[in-house]
C-alpha atoms as a PDB file:
ATOM      1  CA  MET A   1     -52.289  -8.957  37.528  1.00  0.00           C
ATOM      2  CA  HIS A   2     -55.574  -7.211  36.735  1.00  0.00           C
ATOM      3  CA  TYR A   3     -56.006  -4.658  33.966  1.00  0.00           C
ATOM      4  CA  ASP A   4     -58.961  -2.338  33.445  1.00  0.00           C
ATOM      5  CA  ILE A   5     -58.871  -2.235  29.652  1.00  0.00           C
ATOM      6  CA  THR A   6     -61.342  -0.095  27.741  1.00  0.00           C
ATOM      7  CA  THR A   7     -59.344   0.948  24.662  1.00  0.00           C
ATOM      8  CA  PRO A   8     -57.109  -0.744  22.097  1.00  0.00           C
ATOM      9  CA  SER A   9     -54.129   1.343  23.227  1.00  0.00           C
ATOM     10  CA  GLN A  10     -54.603   0.132  26.819  1.00  0.00           C
ATOM     11  CA  TYR A  11     -54.729  -3.442  25.508  1.00  0.00           C
ATOM     12  CA  HIS A  12     -51.514  -2.853  23.550  1.00  0.00           C
ATOM     13  CA  THR A  13     -49.735  -1.501  26.625  1.00  0.00           C
ATOM     14  CA  ALA A  14     -50.876  -4.448  28.765  1.00  0.00           C
ATOM     15  CA  LEU A  15     -49.912  -6.945  26.032  1.00  0.00           C
ATOM     16  CA  VAL A  16     -46.396  -5.555  25.749  1.00  0.00           C
ATOM     17  CA  GLU A  17     -46.001  -5.542  29.536  1.00  0.00           C
ATOM     18  CA  ARG A  18     -47.099  -9.186  29.872  1.00  0.00           C
ATOM     19  CA  LEU A  19     -44.895 -10.307  26.963  1.00  0.00           C
ATOM     20  CA  ARG A  20     -41.887  -8.635  28.600  1.00  0.00           C
ATOM     21  CA  VAL A  21     -42.622 -10.361  31.921  1.00  0.00           C
ATOM     22  CA  ASN A  22     -43.206 -13.820  30.481  1.00  0.00           C
ATOM     23  CA  LEU A  23     -40.774 -14.134  27.578  1.00  0.00           C
ATOM     24  CA  VAL A  24     -37.040 -14.000  26.893  1.00  0.00           C
ATOM     25  CA  GLU A  25     -35.095 -11.372  28.816  1.00  0.00           C
ATOM     26  CA  GLY A  26     -33.931  -8.564  26.546  1.00  0.00           C
ATOM     27  CA  LEU A  27     -36.678  -9.230  24.013  1.00  0.00           C
ATOM     28  CA  ALA A  28     -37.385  -6.160  21.887  1.00  0.00           C
ATOM     29  CA  ILE A  29     -41.079  -5.462  21.335  1.00  0.00           C
ATOM     30  CA  GLU A  30     -41.892  -2.833  18.741  1.00  0.00           C
ATOM     31  CA  SER A  31     -44.768  -1.731  16.587  1.00  0.00           C
ATOM     32  CA  TYR A  32     -44.863  -3.264  13.117  1.00  0.00           C
ATOM     33  CA  ASP A  33     -44.920   0.322  11.831  1.00  0.00           C
ATOM     34  CA  GLU A  34     -41.295   0.574  12.966  1.00  0.00           C
ATOM     35  CA  TRP A  35     -40.189  -2.182  10.536  1.00  0.00           C
ATOM     36  CA  GLY A  36     -37.189  -0.868   8.641  1.00  0.00           C
ATOM     37  CA  LYS A  37     -36.759   2.049  11.058  1.00  0.00           C
ATOM     38  CA  VAL A  38     -35.257   0.124  13.988  1.00  0.00           C
ATOM     39  CA  GLU A  39     -32.172  -2.064  13.895  1.00  0.00           C
ATOM     40  CA  ILE A  40     -32.959  -5.635  14.833  1.00  0.00           C
ATOM     41  CA  THR A  41     -29.990  -7.032  16.699  1.00  0.00           C
ATOM     42  CA  GLY A  42     -31.673  -9.749  18.742  1.00  0.00           C
ATOM     43  CA  PRO A  43     -34.983 -11.517  19.285  1.00  0.00           C
ATOM     44  CA  THR A  44     -37.763  -9.090  18.374  1.00  0.00           C
ATOM     45  CA  ILE A  45     -41.537  -9.121  18.249  1.00  0.00           C
ATOM     46  CA  LEU A  46     -43.280  -6.650  15.970  1.00  0.00           C
ATOM     47  CA  ILE A  47     -46.921  -6.201  16.936  1.00  0.00           C
ATOM     48  CA  GLN A  48     -49.200  -5.400  14.017  1.00  0.00           C
ATOM     49  CA  TRP A  49     -52.767  -4.171  14.420  1.00  0.00           C
ATOM     50  CA  GLU A  50     -54.001  -5.494  11.085  1.00  0.00           C
ATOM     51  CA  ASP A  51     -57.731  -5.102  11.107  1.00  0.00           C
ATOM     52  CA  GLY A  52     -60.472  -3.589  13.191  1.00  0.00           C
ATOM     53  CA  TYR A  53     -64.191  -3.445  12.629  1.00  0.00           C
ATOM     54  CA  PRO A  54     -67.437  -3.341  14.578  1.00  0.00           C
ATOM     55  CA  GLY A  55     -68.698  -6.747  15.563  1.00  0.00           C
ATOM     56  CA  GLN A  56     -72.176  -7.802  16.579  1.00  0.00           C
ATOM     57  CA  ARG A  57     -74.380  -5.627  18.724  1.00  0.00           C
ATOM     58  CA  GLN A  58     -74.603  -6.585  22.415  1.00  0.00           C
ATOM     59  CA  ASN A  59     -77.926  -6.963  24.258  1.00  0.00           C
ATOM     60  CA  ASP A  60     -77.601  -3.403  25.603  1.00  0.00           C
ATOM     61  CA  GLY A  61     -77.261  -1.978  22.070  1.00  0.00           C
ATOM     62  CA  ARG A  62     -73.499  -1.399  22.116  1.00  0.00           C
ATOM     63  CA  TYR A  63     -71.298  -2.839  19.391  1.00  0.00           C
ATOM     64  CA  ASN A  64     -68.387  -5.113  20.127  1.00  0.00           C
ATOM     65  CA  HIS A  65     -65.277  -4.225  18.192  1.00  0.00           C
ATOM     66  CA  GLN A  66     -63.080  -6.933  16.784  1.00  0.00           C
ATOM     67  CA  PHE A  67     -59.386  -6.507  16.109  1.00  0.00           C
ATOM     68  CA  MET A  68     -56.829  -8.795  14.557  1.00  0.00           C
ATOM     69  CA  LEU A  69     -53.295  -8.660  15.909  1.00  0.00           C
ATOM     70  CA  THR A  70     -50.244 -10.374  14.483  1.00  0.00           C
ATOM     71  CA  ALA A  71     -47.024 -10.894  16.416  1.00  0.00           C
ATOM     72  CA  HIS A  72     -44.150 -11.107  13.925  1.00  0.00           C
ATOM     73  CA  CYS A  73     -41.351 -13.037  15.662  1.00  0.00           C
ATOM     74  CA  ILE A  74     -37.978 -12.076  14.225  1.00  0.00           C
ATOM     75  CA  ILE A  75     -34.478 -13.388  14.811  1.00  0.00           C
ATOM     76  CA  PRO A  76     -31.555 -11.783  12.932  1.00  0.00           C
ATOM     77  CA  LYS A  77     -30.190 -14.002  10.153  1.00  0.00           C
ATOM     78  CA  GLY A  78     -26.705 -14.003  11.678  1.00  0.00           C
ATOM     79  CA  GLN A  79     -27.932 -15.903  14.735  1.00  0.00           C
ATOM     80  CA  PRO A  80     -27.294 -19.656  14.779  1.00  0.00           C
ATOM     81  CA  ASN A  81     -30.450 -21.566  13.835  1.00  0.00           C
ATOM     82  CA  ALA A  82     -32.345 -18.286  13.281  1.00  0.00           C
ATOM     83  CA  LEU A  83     -35.353 -19.999  11.727  1.00  0.00           C
ATOM     84  CA  LEU A  84     -35.725 -22.443  14.608  1.00  0.00           C
ATOM     85  CA  GLN A  85     -35.273 -19.651  17.147  1.00  0.00           C
ATOM     86  CA  ALA A  86     -38.061 -17.692  15.410  1.00  0.00           C
ATOM     87  CA  VAL A  87     -40.316 -20.761  15.469  1.00  0.00           C
ATOM     88  CA  ASP A  88     -39.553 -21.279  19.170  1.00  0.00           C
ATOM     89  CA  LEU A  89     -40.328 -17.623  19.938  1.00  0.00           C
ATOM     90  CA  ALA A  90     -43.595 -17.816  17.982  1.00  0.00           C
ATOM     91  CA  ALA A  91     -44.585 -20.961  19.898  1.00  0.00           C
ATOM     92  CA  GLU A  92     -43.778 -19.235  23.180  1.00  0.00           C
ATOM     93  CA  VAL A  93     -45.889 -16.206  22.268  1.00  0.00           C
END
């Protein structure tokens, strides 16, 4: 699938869509800002936009922008082998 991505929000939307297609069915994908506001009842990824800053200038004078994203892979504690499930999910991401 091809995406015409020109903004961070478009990247976020495409990222969530591709994660949903390629990972565990029923996987919840939320913003890290929702931590503590949503009930986590199953495998969940919280996407955190941690850092953003202008990068080096391109040959045409425009700046690249660099962003750091973190995918927090969460499995509820009540799940059997929750830690290993979280590690497996992180490896899959």
